[in-house]
Amino acid sequence: MAPFCSAVDIRRAQSEGLKVFAETCPQYLFLTAEDLDRDGAEGAKFCCSPPPRDKAAQEAVWCGLANGTFQVFSSDHAPYRFDETGKLRAGPNPSFKQVANGVPGIELRLPLLFSEGVGKGRIDIHQFVALTATNVAKLYGVHPRKGTIAVGADADLALWDPDAERTITWTDLHDNAGYTPYEGMTLKGWPAIVLSRGRVAVEDGELCVERGSGHFLVREKSRAAAPLNRLAPEMDPSRNFGAHVLPDT
């Protein structure tokens, strides 16, 4: 979701009682237009839509996460490799219109938000859980089976070490993109153990379950998709079809 104007429009619509939900992604908190302007084709590594802006735009997105404008913090994971199979399919010096659009980031989504959000006081731990798990489950119709710790829910848990420090390098990650736009960042807070349906799925960075052992989950229709059952002002005769009556002069 683009910062500034779009965030303002979303917030205004929500304030007017409209059912509007929004998400943002790591690249809008940690990348800027300066990354796109790197030498040669290096800027292609950071090409995504909408493009990263500046530090002020980053702060606007942080505010949107803190005040509830954004309900979801997703990854928009686009693992194009930085070679002729992906970002550089049009050659070693493509124009921006020829660059495969998007950046990788799914594995670092939670560590980035925890370290720079919770760790630096921009959001609290409850907002962190809501933005990354609970809200997603509710919006997509899988709550309370997912997104909560309760009797009857799937035991999908991430056990977090808030003091663990990691300096990001792609060689420690598990995707096949060949690079990470967050290379060299030092983060504090890292998942130590991940459970899926009660099974230890990941421990100390190692996969502990058989690939393909996940289950397809049929989701219910979310209450978020239910209509408000009220007319917009422009269509509502009881509200004068949205018109404002001027006082007598």
Protein backbone atom coordinates (compact mmCIF):
# COMPACT_ATOMS: atom_id res chain seq x y z
CA MET A 1 0.00 0.00 0.00
CA ALA A 2 1.44 3.36 -1.00
CA PRO A 3 2.27 5.78 1.82
CA PHE A 4 1.00 9.34 2.32
CA CYS A 5 -2.00 9.96 0.01
CA SER A 6 -3.29 6.40 0.01
CA ALA A 7 -2.89 6.04 3.77
CA VAL A 8 -4.71 9.33 4.28
CA ASP A 9 -7.54 8.24 1.99
CA ILE A 10 -7.83 4.90 3.77
CA ARG A 11 -7.94 6.56 7.18
CA ARG A 12 -10.56 9.07 6.03
CA ALA A 13 -12.77 6.30 4.64
CA GLN A 14 -12.44 4.31 7.86
CA SER A 15 -13.32 7.40 9.89
CA GLU A 16 -16.49 7.78 7.82
CA GLY A 17 -17.53 4.26 8.81
CA LEU A 18 -16.72 2.54 5.54
CA LYS A 19 -15.54 -1.06 5.62
CA VAL A 20 -12.00 -0.57 4.35
CA PHE A 21 -9.04 -2.80 5.17
CA ALA A 22 -5.43 -2.22 4.22
CA GLU A 23 -2.04 -3.87 4.33
CA THR A 24 1.55 -2.78 3.98
CA CYS A 25 4.86 -4.61 3.53
CA PRO A 26 8.48 -4.47 4.78
CA GLN A 27 9.81 -2.65 1.73
CA TYR A 28 7.79 0.45 2.65
CA LEU A 29 9.36 0.58 6.09
CA PHE A 30 12.98 -0.14 5.21
CA LEU A 31 13.69 0.77 1.57
CA THR A 32 13.77 4.21 -0.07
CA ALA A 33 14.06 5.73 -3.53
CA GLU A 34 17.83 5.94 -2.94
CA ASP A 35 17.97 2.15 -3.16
CA LEU A 36 16.42 2.33 -6.62
CA ASP A 37 19.13 4.79 -7.67
CA ARG A 38 22.08 2.49 -6.96
CA ASP A 39 24.82 2.12 -9.57
CA GLY A 40 24.27 0.04 -12.68
CA ALA A 41 21.48 -2.50 -12.44
CA GLU A 42 21.77 -2.82 -8.65
CA GLY A 43 18.65 -0.70 -8.26
CA ALA A 44 16.67 -3.48 -9.96
CA LYS A 45 16.95 -5.49 -6.75
CA PHE A 46 14.65 -2.96 -5.07
CA CYS A 47 12.12 -2.42 -7.87
CA CYS A 48 8.54 -2.94 -6.66
CA SER A 49 5.12 -1.30 -6.90
CA PRO A 50 4.40 1.16 -5.51
CA PRO A 51 8.06 2.19 -5.38
CA PRO A 52 9.77 3.00 -2.08
CA ARG A 53 9.71 6.73 -1.28
CA ASP A 54 11.71 8.46 1.48
CA LYS A 55 12.20 8.46 5.26
CA ALA A 56 9.12 10.62 5.79
CA ALA A 57 7.02 8.08 3.89
CA GLN A 58 8.43 5.32 6.07
CA GLU A 59 7.36 7.17 9.20
CA ALA A 60 3.88 7.66 7.74
CA VAL A 61 3.56 3.89 7.28
CA TRP A 62 4.79 3.26 10.84
CA CYS A 63 2.08 5.64 12.04
CA GLY A 64 -0.48 3.73 9.99
CA LEU A 65 0.56 0.46 11.64
CA ALA A 66 0.37 2.00 15.11
CA ASN A 67 -3.00 3.75 14.72
CA GLY A 68 -4.84 0.92 13.00
CA THR A 69 -5.00 2.29 9.46
CA PHE A 70 -3.27 -0.91 8.33
CA GLN A 71 -4.70 -4.17 9.61
CA VAL A 72 -2.18 -6.52 8.00
CA PHE A 73 1.60 -6.61 7.64
CA SER A 74 2.28 -8.95 4.71
CA SER A 75 5.35 -9.73 2.61
CA ASP A 76 4.32 -9.31 -1.05
CA HIS A 77 7.07 -11.91 -1.56
CA ALA A 78 8.35 -11.86 -5.16
CA PRO A 79 11.47 -14.07 -5.30
CA TYR A 80 12.79 -13.13 -8.74
CA ARG A 81 16.46 -14.00 -8.96
CA PHE A 82 18.93 -11.26 -9.85
CA ASP A 83 19.93 -12.95 -13.10
CA GLU A 84 18.66 -13.68 -16.60
CA THR A 85 15.85 -15.86 -15.23
CA GLY A 86 14.37 -13.04 -13.17
CA LYS A 87 15.21 -9.37 -12.68
CA LEU A 88 17.62 -9.26 -15.63
CA ARG A 89 15.57 -11.19 -18.18
CA ALA A 90 15.82 -8.23 -20.59
CA GLY A 91 19.61 -8.09 -20.27
CA PRO A 92 22.22 -6.73 -17.86
CA ASN A 93 21.10 -3.09 -18.19
CA PRO A 94 17.29 -3.08 -18.41
CA SER A 95 15.10 -0.04 -18.09
CA PHE A 96 12.83 -0.04 -15.07
CA LYS A 97 9.89 -1.03 -17.31
CA GLN A 98 11.72 -4.26 -18.18
CA VAL A 99 12.62 -5.27 -14.61
CA ALA A 100 10.61 -8.07 -12.99
CA ASN A 101 8.56 -6.25 -10.38
CA GLY A 102 8.73 -7.12 -6.68
CA VAL A 103 11.18 -8.03 -3.93
CA PRO A 104 11.70 -11.09 -1.73
CA GLY A 105 10.95 -10.81 1.98
CA ILE A 106 8.69 -13.54 3.37
CA GLU A 107 11.21 -15.04 5.80
CA LEU A 108 12.18 -11.66 7.25
CA ARG A 109 8.65 -10.27 7.55
CA LEU A 110 8.22 -10.97 11.28
CA PRO A 111 11.84 -10.38 12.40
CA LEU A 112 11.90 -6.98 10.68
CA LEU A 113 8.63 -5.87 12.27
CA PHE A 114 9.56 -7.20 15.70
CA SER A 115 13.05 -5.68 15.77
CA GLU A 116 12.21 -2.26 14.41
CA GLY A 117 8.59 -2.08 15.59
CA VAL A 118 8.31 -3.75 18.98
CA GLY A 119 12.01 -3.43 19.83
CA LYS A 120 12.05 0.30 19.17
CA GLY A 121 8.67 1.12 20.70
CA ARG A 122 6.80 1.94 17.51
CA ILE A 123 4.18 -0.76 18.17
CA ASP A 124 3.59 -3.09 21.13
CA ILE A 125 3.67 -6.89 21.19
CA HIS A 126 -0.13 -7.13 20.94
CA GLN A 127 -0.15 -5.05 17.76
CA PHE A 128 2.66 -7.21 16.39
CA VAL A 129 0.57 -10.37 16.87
CA ALA A 130 -2.56 -8.75 15.45
CA LEU A 131 -0.81 -7.41 12.34
CA THR A 132 0.96 -10.66 11.54
CA ALA A 133 -1.54 -13.33 12.63
CA THR A 134 -4.87 -12.51 14.27
CA ASN A 135 -6.16 -9.90 11.82
CA VAL A 136 -5.13 -12.01 8.85
CA ALA A 137 -7.02 -15.04 10.19
CA LYS A 138 -10.15 -12.96 10.80
CA LEU A 139 -10.11 -11.22 7.42
CA TYR A 140 -9.63 -14.48 5.53
CA GLY A 141 -12.22 -16.49 7.41
CA VAL A 142 -10.00 -18.97 9.27
CA HIS A 143 -10.41 -17.55 12.78
CA PRO A 144 -10.63 -19.00 15.46
CA ARG A 145 -9.00 -22.10 14.05
CA LYS A 146 -6.02 -19.91 13.16
CA GLY A 147 -4.80 -16.66 14.65
CA THR A 148 -5.48 -17.40 18.32
CA ILE A 149 -4.23 -19.54 21.20
CA ALA A 150 -7.31 -21.36 22.45
CA VAL A 151 -8.76 -24.81 23.03
CA GLY A 152 -9.75 -26.23 19.65
CA ALA A 153 -7.50 -23.95 17.61
CA ASP A 154 -4.56 -25.28 15.62
CA ALA A 155 -1.36 -25.04 17.66
CA ASP A 156 0.49 -22.82 15.20
CA LEU A 157 3.02 -21.00 17.35
CA ALA A 158 6.26 -19.08 16.94
CA LEU A 159 8.37 -19.15 20.10
CA TRP A 160 10.35 -15.93 20.02
CA ASP A 161 13.76 -15.07 21.43
CA PRO A 162 13.54 -11.28 21.90
CA ASP A 163 17.25 -10.93 22.65
CA ALA A 164 18.68 -12.91 19.73
CA GLU A 165 20.61 -10.72 17.30
CA ARG A 166 21.12 -11.52 13.63
CA THR A 167 22.93 -9.66 10.89
CA ILE A 168 20.96 -10.35 7.73
CA THR A 169 22.67 -12.12 4.89
CA TRP A 170 20.96 -14.05 2.11
CA THR A 171 23.14 -17.15 2.65
CA ASP A 172 21.38 -17.67 6.00
CA LEU A 173 17.91 -17.52 4.44
CA HIS A 174 15.96 -20.33 2.82
CA ASP A 175 14.48 -18.92 -0.39
CA ASN A 176 16.03 -19.27 -3.83
CA ALA A 177 16.07 -15.59 -4.78
CA GLY A 178 19.84 -15.29 -4.48
CA TYR A 179 19.74 -11.97 -2.64
CA THR A 180 17.84 -10.02 0.02
CA PRO A 181 17.17 -6.27 -0.12
CA TYR A 182 17.81 -6.17 3.63
CA GLU A 183 21.39 -7.48 3.41
CA GLY A 184 23.57 -6.22 6.27
CA MET A 185 20.77 -5.08 8.59
CA THR A 186 21.17 -6.13 12.22
CA LEU A 187 17.93 -7.24 13.84
CA LYS A 188 17.14 -8.04 17.45
CA GLY A 189 14.52 -10.71 18.06
CA TRP A 190 14.29 -13.98 16.17
CA PRO A 191 12.02 -17.07 16.11
CA ALA A 192 13.66 -19.96 17.95
CA ILE A 193 11.01 -22.67 17.44
CA VAL A 194 8.01 -22.77 15.11
CA LEU A 195 5.13 -25.19 15.69
CA SER A 196 2.59 -26.16 13.03
CA ARG A 197 -0.52 -27.94 14.31
CA GLY A 198 1.39 -28.84 17.43
CA ARG A 199 4.40 -30.29 15.62
CA VAL A 200 7.84 -28.73 15.81
CA ALA A 201 8.21 -27.52 12.24
CA VAL A 202 11.37 -25.42 12.55
CA GLU A 203 13.99 -25.35 15.29
CA ASP A 204 17.24 -23.39 15.21
CA GLY A 205 16.69 -22.63 11.55
CA GLU A 206 16.28 -26.28 10.51
CA LEU A 207 13.14 -27.79 8.96
CA CYS A 208 11.85 -30.61 11.17
CA VAL A 209 8.81 -31.81 9.20
CA GLU A 210 8.42 -33.52 5.86
CA ARG A 211 7.95 -31.21 2.91
CA GLY A 212 4.38 -31.27 1.67
CA SER A 213 2.92 -32.25 5.04
CA GLY A 214 0.70 -29.19 5.24
CA HIS A 215 -3.09 -29.45 5.07
CA PHE A 216 -5.42 -27.61 2.72
CA LEU A 217 -7.76 -25.50 4.81
CA VAL A 218 -11.24 -24.67 3.56
CA ARG A 219 -12.05 -21.23 4.87
CA GLU A 220 -15.38 -19.76 5.83
CA LYS A 221 -16.73 -16.48 4.53
CA SER A 222 -15.28 -13.76 6.71
CA ARG A 223 -17.50 -11.34 8.59
CA ALA A 224 -15.23 -8.67 7.14
CA ALA A 225 -16.83 -9.39 3.76
CA ALA A 226 -20.39 -8.98 5.03
CA PRO A 227 -22.16 -5.89 3.69
CA LEU A 228 -22.96 -3.01 6.03
CA ASN A 229 -26.59 -2.97 4.82
CA ARG A 230 -26.72 0.79 4.69
CA LEU A 231 -26.75 3.09 1.71
CA ALA A 232 -23.95 5.44 0.83
CA PRO A 233 -25.02 9.07 1.45
CA GLU A 234 -25.29 9.73 -2.28
CA MET A 235 -27.91 6.95 -2.60
CA ASP A 236 -29.75 7.44 0.70
CA PRO A 237 -32.92 9.61 0.56
CA SER A 238 -32.99 9.80 4.36
CA ARG A 239 -29.70 11.66 4.18
CA ASN A 240 -30.78 13.96 1.36
CA PHE A 241 -28.76 11.95 -1.18
CA GLY A 242 -25.56 13.32 0.28
CA ALA A 243 -26.46 16.95 -0.39
CA HIS A 244 -25.83 19.66 2.19
CA VAL A 245 -28.53 22.26 2.81
CA LEU A 246 -27.09 25.75 2.89
CA PRO A 247 -28.32 28.04 5.70
CA ASP A 248 -30.57 30.91 4.78
CA THR A 249 -28.74 34.11 4.05
